[in-house]
Amino acid sequence: MYVYISPGDVASLRLGFKKAREYARRMPIFDGELLEGNPTFAKGSSAAYADSGPADISAPNIIYSADDDEAIDTYIRNFGESRVMTFHV
């Protein structure tokens, strides 16, 4: 089943992903990121996943390249298509 996700929605969801990731990586209980169920970033990208421990509260935000944004957008489109729920009333 194909689900259309408007470009405006993708942009909003991309921003939400980035903000949530910044909050999560600063939490004391943070112990690295799971690769499964997340966008795939190029090796060497500043957005590549951390493998351990929380970031300091004053750490700079992750800098995302255009390729990183495209990886997030692709993830959002694929994730949205696989999570469609229908309700019968």
C-alpha atoms as a PDB file:
ATOM      1  CA  MET A   1       0.000   0.000   0.000  1.00  0.00           C
ATOM      2  CA  TYR A   2       1.390   3.421  -0.956  1.00  0.00           C
ATOM      3  CA  VAL A   3       0.897   6.307   1.416  1.00  0.00           C
ATOM      4  CA  TYR A   4       1.594   9.843   0.263  1.00  0.00           C
ATOM      5  CA  ILE A   5       3.507  11.899   2.804  1.00  0.00           C
ATOM      6  CA  SER A   6       3.582  15.557   1.801  1.00  0.00           C
ATOM      7  CA  PRO A   7       6.936  17.381   1.597  1.00  0.00           C
ATOM      8  CA  GLY A   8       5.822  19.663   4.427  1.00  0.00           C
ATOM      9  CA  ASP A   9       5.151  16.666   6.631  1.00  0.00           C
ATOM     10  CA  VAL A  10       8.537  15.149   5.778  1.00  0.00           C
ATOM     11  CA  ALA A  11      10.285  18.415   6.711  1.00  0.00           C
ATOM     12  CA  SER A  12       8.427  18.583  10.043  1.00  0.00           C
ATOM     13  CA  LEU A  13       9.159  14.950  10.841  1.00  0.00           C
ATOM     14  CA  ARG A  14      12.850  15.436   9.922  1.00  0.00           C
ATOM     15  CA  LEU A  15      13.084  18.335  12.377  1.00  0.00           C
ATOM     16  CA  GLY A  16      11.350  16.226  15.031  1.00  0.00           C
ATOM     17  CA  PHE A  17      13.800  13.364  14.457  1.00  0.00           C
ATOM     18  CA  LYS A  18      16.780  15.693  14.846  1.00  0.00           C
ATOM     19  CA  LYS A  19      15.439  17.349  18.022  1.00  0.00           C
ATOM     20  CA  ALA A  20      14.493  14.035  19.629  1.00  0.00           C
ATOM     21  CA  ARG A  21      17.945  12.657  18.856  1.00  0.00           C
ATOM     22  CA  GLU A  22      19.610  15.697  20.484  1.00  0.00           C
ATOM     23  CA  TYR A  23      17.508  15.286  23.630  1.00  0.00           C
ATOM     24  CA  ALA A  24      18.040  11.529  23.818  1.00  0.00           C
ATOM     25  CA  ARG A  25      21.824  11.589  23.414  1.00  0.00           C
ATOM     26  CA  ARG A  26      22.152  13.987  26.360  1.00  0.00           C
ATOM     27  CA  MET A  27      20.105  11.885  28.774  1.00  0.00           C
ATOM     28  CA  PRO A  28      22.107  10.213  31.570  1.00  0.00           C
ATOM     29  CA  ILE A  29      20.641   6.802  30.674  1.00  0.00           C
ATOM     30  CA  PHE A  30      21.757   7.054  27.043  1.00  0.00           C
ATOM     31  CA  ASP A  31      23.967   4.086  26.155  1.00  0.00           C
ATOM     32  CA  GLY A  32      24.437   4.408  22.408  1.00  0.00           C
ATOM     33  CA  GLU A  33      22.084   4.311  19.465  1.00  0.00           C
ATOM     34  CA  LEU A  34      20.381   1.353  17.833  1.00  0.00           C
ATOM     35  CA  LEU A  35      21.049   0.951  14.150  1.00  0.00           C
ATOM     36  CA  GLU A  36      17.862  -1.014  13.545  1.00  0.00           C
ATOM     37  CA  GLY A  37      14.830   1.088  12.774  1.00  0.00           C
ATOM     38  CA  ASN A  38      16.781   4.290  12.145  1.00  0.00           C
ATOM     39  CA  PRO A  39      18.104   6.105   9.064  1.00  0.00           C
ATOM     40  CA  THR A  40      21.402   4.901   7.622  1.00  0.00           C
ATOM     41  CA  PHE A  41      24.045   7.618   7.437  1.00  0.00           C
ATOM     42  CA  ALA A  42      27.218   7.456   5.346  1.00  0.00           C
ATOM     43  CA  LYS A  43      30.368   6.295   7.077  1.00  0.00           C
ATOM     44  CA  GLY A  44      32.334   9.316   8.258  1.00  0.00           C
ATOM     45  CA  SER A  45      29.257  11.546   8.432  1.00  0.00           C
ATOM     46  CA  SER A  46      28.964  13.757  11.502  1.00  0.00           C
ATOM     47  CA  ALA A  47      25.472  12.266  11.841  1.00  0.00           C
ATOM     48  CA  ALA A  48      26.828   8.701  12.116  1.00  0.00           C
ATOM     49  CA  TYR A  49      25.609   6.941  15.227  1.00  0.00           C
ATOM     50  CA  ALA A  50      27.422   7.091  18.546  1.00  0.00           C
ATOM     51  CA  ASP A  51      28.175   3.717  20.047  1.00  0.00           C
ATOM     52  CA  SER A  52      28.316   4.585  23.720  1.00  0.00           C
ATOM     53  CA  GLY A  53      27.542   6.952  26.537  1.00  0.00           C
ATOM     54  CA  PRO A  54      25.675  10.223  26.787  1.00  0.00           C
ATOM     55  CA  ALA A  55      26.904  13.466  25.253  1.00  0.00           C
ATOM     56  CA  ASP A  56      27.680  16.351  27.560  1.00  0.00           C
ATOM     57  CA  ILE A  57      24.776  18.762  27.994  1.00  0.00           C
ATOM     58  CA  SER A  58      26.894  21.518  26.424  1.00  0.00           C
ATOM     59  CA  ALA A  59      28.016  19.382  23.445  1.00  0.00           C
ATOM     60  CA  PRO A  60      27.365  20.986  20.063  1.00  0.00           C
ATOM     61  CA  ASN A  61      24.398  19.767  18.068  1.00  0.00           C
ATOM     62  CA  ILE A  62      24.987  17.238  15.308  1.00  0.00           C
ATOM     63  CA  ILE A  63      25.603  18.890  11.943  1.00  0.00           C
ATOM     64  CA  TYR A  64      23.592  17.197   9.192  1.00  0.00           C
ATOM     65  CA  SER A  65      24.639  17.341   5.531  1.00  0.00           C
ATOM     66  CA  ALA A  66      22.225  17.334   2.598  1.00  0.00           C
ATOM     67  CA  ASP A  67      22.938  13.600   2.206  1.00  0.00           C
ATOM     68  CA  ASP A  68      22.067  13.052   5.875  1.00  0.00           C
ATOM     69  CA  ASP A  69      18.796  14.947   5.420  1.00  0.00           C
ATOM     70  CA  GLU A  70      17.988  12.781   2.401  1.00  0.00           C
ATOM     71  CA  ALA A  71      18.676   9.624   4.446  1.00  0.00           C
ATOM     72  CA  ILE A  72      16.269  10.881   7.126  1.00  0.00           C
ATOM     73  CA  ASP A  73      13.646  11.773   4.507  1.00  0.00           C
ATOM     74  CA  THR A  74      13.914   8.339   2.902  1.00  0.00           C
ATOM     75  CA  TYR A  75      13.586   6.715   6.318  1.00  0.00           C
ATOM     76  CA  ILE A  76      10.483   8.797   7.081  1.00  0.00           C
ATOM     77  CA  ARG A  77       8.835   7.875   3.786  1.00  0.00           C
ATOM     78  CA  ASN A  78       9.592   4.172   4.239  1.00  0.00           C
ATOM     79  CA  PHE A  79       8.652   4.159   7.904  1.00  0.00           C
ATOM     80  CA  GLY A  80       5.367   5.929   7.190  1.00  0.00           C
ATOM     81  CA  GLU A  81       4.453   3.434   4.494  1.00  0.00           C
ATOM     82  CA  SER A  82       5.096   0.465   6.743  1.00  0.00           C
ATOM     83  CA  ARG A  83       3.155   1.858   9.695  1.00  0.00           C
ATOM     84  CA  VAL A  84      -0.210   2.530   8.075  1.00  0.00           C
ATOM     85  CA  MET A  85      -3.117   1.499  10.258  1.00  0.00           C
ATOM     86  CA  THR A  86      -6.687   1.170   9.175  1.00  0.00           C
ATOM     87  CA  PHE A  87      -9.583   1.528  11.536  1.00  0.00           C
ATOM     88  CA  HIS A  88     -13.007   0.033  11.056  1.00  0.00           C
ATOM     89  CA  VAL A  89     -15.868   1.909  12.625  1.00  0.00           C
END
